[in-house]
């Protein structure tokens, strides 16, 4: 093969070789970029796994904190609510929370609610009912105010407790007397002042440290401090006057 043929063939092959070199260089660049992307993705994957692990640990920690805090809160509320019920209705009464733990463990949608229940004894058997429409005798009212009082302790509130016409639907028997005893007990036990507006001064006045009577005459309010004995004397005089009127009729 003479030199001219070799030169001619090289002249024909050289463009192809250059084109192949360009394609190889281009593909090498693409490969290098893919390798770089792969390394970055592997680093991101490791970082994401670490973040996922931290998130799972944080989730477990928060869940344990939530469960612990909820347990402490419910125990505190149950304790106050139970104390109020027992002082009025007897030692077999208790306020309990149904937390639906079994449903929550099964992943049911309804498993994340809580329900207030009242527990007592019926013929030596536990009777557990709901609150609304299932108990009489003022249980709803006693429980409602018991929960309000418990909320103050739970929130670390150390100010006075102000009540207006509370327990006005309680029956005028030993229960209303027990309510007054409970308020006095709570006030001393928690060292909390209770400001209580009521028309039942004959009951609650017996346990009050200070009695302030507010009366209105012709639209003008007047205020004066009284003693419990004065209230009872007025009540006796009113009862006597009522008897005289009835006798006249």
C-alpha atoms as a PDB file:
ATOM      1  CA  UNK A   1       0.000   0.000   0.000  1.00  0.00           C
ATOM      2  CA  UNK A   2       1.588   3.280  -1.074  1.00  0.00           C
ATOM      3  CA  UNK A   3       1.763   6.308   1.054  1.00  0.00           C
ATOM      4  CA  UNK A   4      -0.882   8.127  -0.922  1.00  0.00           C
ATOM      5  CA  UNK A   5      -3.501   5.484  -0.188  1.00  0.00           C
ATOM      6  CA  UNK A   6      -2.637   5.604   3.512  1.00  0.00           C
ATOM      7  CA  UNK A   7      -2.951   9.391   3.540  1.00  0.00           C
ATOM      8  CA  UNK A   8      -6.250   9.174   1.717  1.00  0.00           C
ATOM      9  CA  UNK A   9      -7.687   6.604   4.110  1.00  0.00           C
ATOM     10  CA  UNK A  10      -6.510   8.606   7.107  1.00  0.00           C
ATOM     11  CA  UNK A  11      -8.107  11.683   5.685  1.00  0.00           C
ATOM     12  CA  UNK A  12     -11.391   9.778   5.512  1.00  0.00           C
ATOM     13  CA  UNK A  13     -11.037   8.189   8.979  1.00  0.00           C
ATOM     14  CA  UNK A  14      -9.874  11.291  10.843  1.00  0.00           C
ATOM     15  CA  UNK A  15     -13.308  13.029  10.920  1.00  0.00           C
ATOM     16  CA  UNK A  16     -14.909   9.824  12.194  1.00  0.00           C
ATOM     17  CA  UNK A  17     -12.217   9.455  14.859  1.00  0.00           C
ATOM     18  CA  UNK A  18     -12.625  13.073  15.928  1.00  0.00           C
ATOM     19  CA  UNK A  19     -16.395  12.638  16.047  1.00  0.00           C
ATOM     20  CA  UNK A  20     -15.981   9.502  18.180  1.00  0.00           C
ATOM     21  CA  UNK A  21     -13.563  11.331  20.459  1.00  0.00           C
ATOM     22  CA  UNK A  22     -16.139  14.070  20.912  1.00  0.00           C
ATOM     23  CA  UNK A  23     -18.865  11.517  21.641  1.00  0.00           C
ATOM     24  CA  UNK A  24     -16.587   9.716  24.113  1.00  0.00           C
ATOM     25  CA  UNK A  25     -15.705  12.997  25.823  1.00  0.00           C
ATOM     26  CA  UNK A  26     -19.386  13.972  25.936  1.00  0.00           C
ATOM     27  CA  UNK A  27     -20.408  10.614  27.370  1.00  0.00           C
ATOM     28  CA  UNK A  28     -17.532  10.700  29.829  1.00  0.00           C
ATOM     29  CA  UNK A  29     -18.777  14.107  31.036  1.00  0.00           C
ATOM     30  CA  UNK A  30     -22.282  12.734  31.355  1.00  0.00           C
ATOM     31  CA  UNK A  31     -20.960   9.721  33.253  1.00  0.00           C
ATOM     32  CA  UNK A  32     -18.936  11.912  35.570  1.00  0.00           C
ATOM     33  CA  UNK A  33     -22.020  14.071  36.223  1.00  0.00           C
ATOM     34  CA  UNK A  34     -24.099  10.969  36.919  1.00  0.00           C
ATOM     35  CA  UNK A  35     -21.451   9.691  39.333  1.00  0.00           C
ATOM     36  CA  UNK A  36     -21.382  13.068  41.036  1.00  0.00           C
ATOM     37  CA  UNK A  37     -25.187  13.121  41.260  1.00  0.00           C
ATOM     38  CA  UNK A  38     -25.119   9.599  42.644  1.00  0.00           C
ATOM     39  CA  UNK A  39     -22.648  10.582  45.334  1.00  0.00           C
ATOM     40  CA  UNK A  40     -24.767  13.607  46.233  1.00  0.00           C
ATOM     41  CA  UNK A  41     -27.903  11.469  46.351  1.00  0.00           C
ATOM     42  CA  UNK A  42     -26.159   8.928  48.574  1.00  0.00           C
ATOM     43  CA  UNK A  43     -25.085  11.724  50.912  1.00  0.00           C
ATOM     44  CA  UNK A  44     -28.636  13.122  50.901  1.00  0.00           C
ATOM     45  CA  UNK A  45     -30.005   9.663  51.576  1.00  0.00           C
ATOM     46  CA  UNK A  46     -27.717   9.246  54.572  1.00  0.00           C
ATOM     47  CA  UNK A  47     -28.700  12.692  55.831  1.00  0.00           C
ATOM     48  CA  UNK A  48     -32.404  11.948  55.319  1.00  0.00           C
ATOM     49  CA  UNK A  49     -32.079   8.653  57.189  1.00  0.00           C
ATOM     50  CA  UNK A  50     -30.419  10.481  60.072  1.00  0.00           C
ATOM     51  CA  UNK A  51     -33.185  13.113  60.018  1.00  0.00           C
ATOM     52  CA  UNK A  52     -35.804  10.360  59.891  1.00  0.00           C
ATOM     53  CA  UNK A  53     -34.216   8.643  62.876  1.00  0.00           C
ATOM     54  CA  UNK A  54     -34.134  11.911  64.807  1.00  0.00           C
ATOM     55  CA  UNK A  55     -37.755  12.604  63.852  1.00  0.00           C
ATOM     56  CA  UNK A  56     -38.814   9.149  65.044  1.00  0.00           C
ATOM     57  CA  UNK A  57     -36.939   9.616  68.313  1.00  0.00           C
ATOM     58  CA  UNK A  58     -38.493  13.074  68.756  1.00  0.00           C
ATOM     59  CA  UNK A  59     -41.937  11.636  67.995  1.00  0.00           C
ATOM     60  CA  UNK A  60     -41.490   8.874  70.567  1.00  0.00           C
ATOM     61  CA  UNK A  61     -40.269  11.405  73.129  1.00  0.00           C
ATOM     62  CA  UNK A  62     -43.203  13.749  72.481  1.00  0.00           C
ATOM     63  CA  UNK A  63     -45.667  10.874  72.649  1.00  0.00           C
ATOM     64  CA  UNK A  64     -44.247   9.757  75.975  1.00  0.00           C
ATOM     65  CA  UNK A  65     -44.364  13.351  77.247  1.00  0.00           C
ATOM     66  CA  UNK A  66     -47.947  13.774  76.032  1.00  0.00           C
ATOM     67  CA  UNK A  67     -49.024  10.527  77.663  1.00  0.00           C
ATOM     68  CA  UNK A  68     -47.246  11.418  80.916  1.00  0.00           C
ATOM     69  CA  UNK A  69     -48.609  14.967  80.997  1.00  0.00           C
ATOM     70  CA  UNK A  70     -52.105  13.789  80.123  1.00  0.00           C
ATOM     71  CA  UNK A  71     -51.928  11.161  82.845  1.00  0.00           C
ATOM     72  CA  UNK A  72     -50.814  13.715  85.444  1.00  0.00           C
ATOM     73  CA  UNK A  73     -53.490  16.161  84.327  1.00  0.00           C
ATOM     74  CA  UNK A  74     -56.284  13.587  84.358  1.00  0.00           C
ATOM     75  CA  UNK A  75     -55.161  12.267  87.749  1.00  0.00           C
ATOM     76  CA  UNK A  76     -55.205  15.790  89.207  1.00  0.00           C
ATOM     77  CA  UNK A  77     -58.635  16.512  87.734  1.00  0.00           C
ATOM     78  CA  UNK A  78     -59.995  13.122  88.800  1.00  0.00           C
ATOM     79  CA  UNK A  79     -58.701  13.700  92.331  1.00  0.00           C
ATOM     80  CA  UNK A  80     -60.461  17.066  92.788  1.00  0.00           C
ATOM     81  CA  UNK A  81     -63.616  15.910  91.002  1.00  0.00           C
ATOM     82  CA  UNK A  82     -63.734  12.757  93.109  1.00  0.00           C
ATOM     83  CA  UNK A  83     -63.200  14.709  96.340  1.00  0.00           C
ATOM     84  CA  UNK A  84     -66.157  16.980  95.590  1.00  0.00           C
ATOM     85  CA  UNK A  85     -68.401  14.031  94.721  1.00  0.00           C
ATOM     86  CA  UNK A  86     -67.421  12.023  97.794  1.00  0.00           C
ATOM     87  CA  UNK A  87     -67.981  14.879 100.214  1.00  0.00           C
ATOM     88  CA  UNK A  88     -71.509  15.280  98.888  1.00  0.00           C
ATOM     89  CA  UNK A  89     -72.642  11.815  97.775  1.00  0.00           C
ATOM     90  CA  UNK A  90     -70.471   9.344  99.694  1.00  0.00           C
ATOM     91  CA  UNK A  91     -67.132   7.562  99.577  1.00  0.00           C
ATOM     92  CA  UNK A  92     -68.173   5.182  96.807  1.00  0.00           C
ATOM     93  CA  UNK A  93     -68.426   7.992  94.231  1.00  0.00           C
ATOM     94  CA  UNK A  94     -65.566   8.832  91.875  1.00  0.00           C
ATOM     95  CA  UNK A  95     -64.972  10.882  88.747  1.00  0.00           C
ATOM     96  CA  UNK A  96     -63.004   8.984  86.105  1.00  0.00           C
ATOM     97  CA  UNK A  97     -61.910   9.623  82.535  1.00  0.00           C
ATOM     98  CA  UNK A  98     -62.502   7.021  79.861  1.00  0.00           C
ATOM     99  CA  UNK A  99     -59.498   7.577  77.585  1.00  0.00           C
ATOM    100  CA  UNK A 100     -60.435   4.890  75.050  1.00  0.00           C
ATOM    101  CA  UNK A 101     -56.891   3.490  75.145  1.00  0.00           C
ATOM    102  CA  UNK A 102     -57.998   0.190  73.644  1.00  0.00           C
ATOM    103  CA  UNK A 103     -59.505   1.926  70.627  1.00  0.00           C
ATOM    104  CA  UNK A 104     -56.431   4.109  70.216  1.00  0.00           C
ATOM    105  CA  UNK A 105     -54.141   1.080  70.288  1.00  0.00           C
ATOM    106  CA  UNK A 106     -56.231  -0.443  67.516  1.00  0.00           C
ATOM    107  CA  UNK A 107     -55.887   2.752  65.474  1.00  0.00           C
ATOM    108  CA  UNK A 108     -59.611   3.488  65.431  1.00  0.00           C
ATOM    109  CA  UNK A 109     -60.643   7.044  64.594  1.00  0.00           C
ATOM    110  CA  UNK A 110     -62.745   7.381  67.703  1.00  0.00           C
ATOM    111  CA  UNK A 111     -59.855   6.413  69.941  1.00  0.00           C
ATOM    112  CA  UNK A 112     -58.498   9.913  70.593  1.00  0.00           C
ATOM    113  CA  UNK A 113     -61.391  11.349  72.593  1.00  0.00           C
ATOM    114  CA  UNK A 114     -61.913  11.375  76.345  1.00  0.00           C
ATOM    115  CA  UNK A 115     -65.184  11.029  78.199  1.00  0.00           C
ATOM    116  CA  UNK A 116     -66.082  11.978  81.764  1.00  0.00           C
ATOM    117  CA  UNK A 117     -67.734   9.171  83.661  1.00  0.00           C
ATOM    118  CA  UNK A 118     -69.170   8.803  87.155  1.00  0.00           C
ATOM    119  CA  UNK A 119     -68.421   5.645  89.128  1.00  0.00           C
ATOM    120  CA  UNK A 120     -70.315   4.468  92.203  1.00  0.00           C
ATOM    121  CA  UNK A 121     -71.426   1.250  93.898  1.00  0.00           C
ATOM    122  CA  UNK A 122     -74.791  -0.371  93.255  1.00  0.00           C
ATOM    123  CA  UNK A 123     -75.427  -3.450  95.393  1.00  0.00           C
ATOM    124  CA  UNK A 124     -71.668  -4.017  95.789  1.00  0.00           C
ATOM    125  CA  UNK A 125     -71.180  -3.817  92.022  1.00  0.00           C
ATOM    126  CA  UNK A 126     -69.446  -0.920  90.235  1.00  0.00           C
ATOM    127  CA  UNK A 127     -71.861   1.305  88.347  1.00  0.00           C
ATOM    128  CA  UNK A 128     -70.187   3.414  85.662  1.00  0.00           C
ATOM    129  CA  UNK A 129     -72.282   5.880  83.694  1.00  0.00           C
ATOM    130  CA  UNK A 130     -71.860   8.922  81.541  1.00  0.00           C
ATOM    131  CA  UNK A 131     -72.532  12.367  82.941  1.00  0.00           C
ATOM    132  CA  UNK A 132     -75.243  13.984  80.837  1.00  0.00           C
ATOM    133  CA  UNK A 133     -78.735  12.650  81.373  1.00  0.00           C
ATOM    134  CA  UNK A 134     -77.665   9.581  83.316  1.00  0.00           C
ATOM    135  CA  UNK A 135     -77.351  10.881  86.884  1.00  0.00           C
ATOM    136  CA  UNK A 136     -79.639  13.003  89.004  1.00  0.00           C
ATOM    137  CA  UNK A 137     -79.315  14.649  92.396  1.00  0.00           C
ATOM    138  CA  UNK A 138     -77.163  17.528  91.160  1.00  0.00           C
ATOM    139  CA  UNK A 139     -74.266  15.293  90.080  1.00  0.00           C
ATOM    140  CA  UNK A 140     -73.802  17.250  86.854  1.00  0.00           C
ATOM    141  CA  UNK A 141     -73.566  20.563  88.707  1.00  0.00           C
ATOM    142  CA  UNK A 142     -71.200  19.230  91.350  1.00  0.00           C
ATOM    143  CA  UNK A 143     -68.994  17.663  88.676  1.00  0.00           C
ATOM    144  CA  UNK A 144     -68.972  20.820  86.555  1.00  0.00           C
ATOM    145  CA  UNK A 145     -67.772  23.014  89.417  1.00  0.00           C
ATOM    146  CA  UNK A 146     -65.369  20.307  90.562  1.00  0.00           C
ATOM    147  CA  UNK A 147     -63.762  20.363  87.106  1.00  0.00           C
ATOM    148  CA  UNK A 148     -63.521  24.147  87.162  1.00  0.00           C
ATOM    149  CA  UNK A 149     -61.763  24.005  90.502  1.00  0.00           C
ATOM    150  CA  UNK A 150     -59.438  21.269  89.237  1.00  0.00           C
ATOM    151  CA  UNK A 151     -58.551  23.376  86.190  1.00  0.00           C
ATOM    152  CA  UNK A 152     -57.291  26.157  88.478  1.00  0.00           C
ATOM    153  CA  UNK A 153     -54.872  23.775  90.201  1.00  0.00           C
ATOM    154  CA  UNK A 154     -53.804  22.235  86.899  1.00  0.00           C
ATOM    155  CA  UNK A 155     -52.967  25.684  85.483  1.00  0.00           C
ATOM    156  CA  UNK A 156     -51.122  26.709  88.686  1.00  0.00           C
ATOM    157  CA  UNK A 157     -53.526  29.598  89.243  1.00  0.00           C
ATOM    158  CA  UNK A 158     -53.128  30.943  92.772  1.00  0.00           C
ATOM    159  CA  UNK A 159     -55.731  33.717  92.739  1.00  0.00           C
ATOM    160  CA  UNK A 160     -59.229  33.724  94.222  1.00  0.00           C
ATOM    161  CA  UNK A 161     -62.107  31.557  93.009  1.00  0.00           C
ATOM    162  CA  UNK A 162     -65.208  33.603  92.154  1.00  0.00           C
ATOM    163  CA  UNK A 163     -68.574  31.812  92.008  1.00  0.00           C
ATOM    164  CA  UNK A 164     -71.941  33.390  91.223  1.00  0.00           C
ATOM    165  CA  UNK A 165     -75.138  31.511  92.161  1.00  0.00           C
ATOM    166  CA  UNK A 166     -73.296  28.185  91.957  1.00  0.00           C
ATOM    167  CA  UNK A 167     -75.214  25.062  93.002  1.00  0.00           C
ATOM    168  CA  UNK A 168     -78.494  26.975  92.908  1.00  0.00           C
ATOM    169  CA  UNK A 169     -80.265  23.870  91.570  1.00  0.00           C
ATOM    170  CA  UNK A 170     -79.059  21.602  94.386  1.00  0.00           C
ATOM    171  CA  UNK A 171     -81.786  20.167  96.567  1.00  0.00           C
ATOM    172  CA  UNK A 172     -82.276  21.934  99.916  1.00  0.00           C
ATOM    173  CA  UNK A 173     -81.260  18.960 102.017  1.00  0.00           C
ATOM    174  CA  UNK A 174     -78.019  17.569 103.396  1.00  0.00           C
ATOM    175  CA  UNK A 175     -76.404  17.786  99.939  1.00  0.00           C
ATOM    176  CA  UNK A 176     -76.313  21.581  99.877  1.00  0.00           C
ATOM    177  CA  UNK A 177     -74.802  21.510 103.379  1.00  0.00           C
ATOM    178  CA  UNK A 178     -72.142  19.116 102.094  1.00  0.00           C
ATOM    179  CA  UNK A 179     -71.397  21.482  99.217  1.00  0.00           C
ATOM    180  CA  UNK A 180     -70.703  24.263 101.710  1.00  0.00           C
ATOM    181  CA  UNK A 181     -68.457  21.942 103.732  1.00  0.00           C
ATOM    182  CA  UNK A 182     -66.563  21.006 100.567  1.00  0.00           C
ATOM    183  CA  UNK A 183     -65.936  24.661  99.647  1.00  0.00           C
ATOM    184  CA  UNK A 184     -64.616  25.357 103.137  1.00  0.00           C
ATOM    185  CA  UNK A 185     -62.394  22.281 102.988  1.00  0.00           C
ATOM    186  CA  UNK A 186     -61.044  23.252  99.580  1.00  0.00           C
ATOM    187  CA  UNK A 187     -60.423  26.853 100.644  1.00  0.00           C
ATOM    188  CA  UNK A 188     -58.347  25.774 103.646  1.00  0.00           C
ATOM    189  CA  UNK A 189     -56.619  22.839 101.936  1.00  0.00           C
ATOM    190  CA  UNK A 190     -55.514  24.900  98.932  1.00  0.00           C
ATOM    191  CA  UNK A 191     -55.195  28.215 100.780  1.00  0.00           C
ATOM    192  CA  UNK A 192     -57.410  29.791  98.116  1.00  0.00           C
ATOM    193  CA  UNK A 193     -59.902  32.588  98.734  1.00  0.00           C
ATOM    194  CA  UNK A 194     -63.438  31.863  97.522  1.00  0.00           C
ATOM    195  CA  UNK A 195     -65.752  34.768  96.726  1.00  0.00           C
ATOM    196  CA  UNK A 196     -69.221  33.295  96.579  1.00  0.00           C
ATOM    197  CA  UNK A 197     -72.416  35.139  95.617  1.00  0.00           C
ATOM    198  CA  UNK A 198     -75.532  33.301  96.782  1.00  0.00           C
ATOM    199  CA  UNK A 199     -79.078  33.698  98.075  1.00  0.00           C
ATOM    200  CA  UNK A 200     -78.460  30.766 100.449  1.00  0.00           C
ATOM    201  CA  UNK A 201     -76.634  32.713 103.140  1.00  0.00           C
ATOM    202  CA  UNK A 202     -78.348  30.549 105.763  1.00  0.00           C
ATOM    203  CA  UNK A 203     -76.340  27.566 104.463  1.00  0.00           C
ATOM    204  CA  UNK A 204     -73.073  28.995 103.147  1.00  0.00           C
ATOM    205  CA  UNK A 205     -72.841  31.800 105.693  1.00  0.00           C
ATOM    206  CA  UNK A 206     -72.104  29.246 108.425  1.00  0.00           C
ATOM    207  CA  UNK A 207     -68.746  28.492 106.754  1.00  0.00           C
ATOM    208  CA  UNK A 208     -67.887  32.009 105.554  1.00  0.00           C
ATOM    209  CA  UNK A 209     -65.130  34.123 107.084  1.00  0.00           C
ATOM    210  CA  UNK A 210     -66.808  37.327 105.901  1.00  0.00           C
ATOM    211  CA  UNK A 211     -70.429  37.909 104.890  1.00  0.00           C
ATOM    212  CA  UNK A 212     -71.292  40.942 102.790  1.00  0.00           C
ATOM    213  CA  UNK A 213     -74.963  41.610 102.086  1.00  0.00           C
ATOM    214  CA  UNK A 214     -75.840  43.560  98.945  1.00  0.00           C
ATOM    215  CA  UNK A 215     -79.389  44.839  98.763  1.00  0.00           C
ATOM    216  CA  UNK A 216     -81.173  47.204  96.397  1.00  0.00           C
ATOM    217  CA  UNK A 217     -83.809  49.767  97.355  1.00  0.00           C
ATOM    218  CA  UNK A 218     -85.429  51.922  94.666  1.00  0.00           C
ATOM    219  CA  UNK A 219     -82.629  51.030  92.279  1.00  0.00           C
ATOM    220  CA  UNK A 220     -79.868  52.005  94.703  1.00  0.00           C
ATOM    221  CA  UNK A 221     -77.562  49.237  95.933  1.00  0.00           C
ATOM    222  CA  UNK A 222     -76.297  49.199  99.490  1.00  0.00           C
ATOM    223  CA  UNK A 223     -73.592  47.035 101.036  1.00  0.00           C
ATOM    224  CA  UNK A 224     -72.976  46.054 104.627  1.00  0.00           C
ATOM    225  CA  UNK A 225     -71.052  43.420 106.523  1.00  0.00           C
ATOM    226  CA  UNK A 226     -73.075  40.955 108.579  1.00  0.00           C
ATOM    227  CA  UNK A 227     -72.606  38.121 111.026  1.00  0.00           C
ATOM    228  CA  UNK A 228     -74.095  34.697 110.542  1.00  0.00           C
ATOM    229  CA  UNK A 229     -76.194  35.043 113.709  1.00  0.00           C
ATOM    230  CA  UNK A 230     -77.863  38.156 112.258  1.00  0.00           C
ATOM    231  CA  UNK A 231     -78.795  36.234 109.126  1.00  0.00           C
ATOM    232  CA  UNK A 232     -80.335  33.421 111.133  1.00  0.00           C
ATOM    233  CA  UNK A 233     -82.259  35.896 113.345  1.00  0.00           C
ATOM    234  CA  UNK A 234     -83.683  37.583 110.254  1.00  0.00           C
ATOM    235  CA  UNK A 235     -84.603  34.184 108.813  1.00  0.00           C
ATOM    236  CA  UNK A 236     -86.376  33.241 112.062  1.00  0.00           C
ATOM    237  CA  UNK A 237     -88.263  36.555 112.130  1.00  0.00           C
ATOM    238  CA  UNK A 238     -89.298  36.127 108.498  1.00  0.00           C
ATOM    239  CA  UNK A 239     -90.491  32.572 109.189  1.00  0.00           C
ATOM    240  CA  UNK A 240     -92.496  33.795 112.198  1.00  0.00           C
ATOM    241  CA  UNK A 241     -94.074  36.587 110.148  1.00  0.00           C
ATOM    242  CA  UNK A 242     -94.994  34.118 107.426  1.00  0.00           C
ATOM    243  CA  UNK A 243     -96.660  31.840 109.980  1.00  0.00           C
ATOM    244  CA  UNK A 244     -98.705  34.747 111.337  1.00  0.00           C
ATOM    245  CA  UNK A 245     -99.870  35.695 107.856  1.00  0.00           C
ATOM    246  CA  UNK A 246    -100.829  32.098 107.122  1.00  0.00           C
ATOM    247  CA  UNK A 247    -102.734  31.891 110.408  1.00  0.00           C
ATOM    248  CA  UNK A 248    -104.627  35.076 109.563  1.00  0.00           C
ATOM    249  CA  UNK A 249    -105.557  33.654 106.207  1.00  0.00           C
END
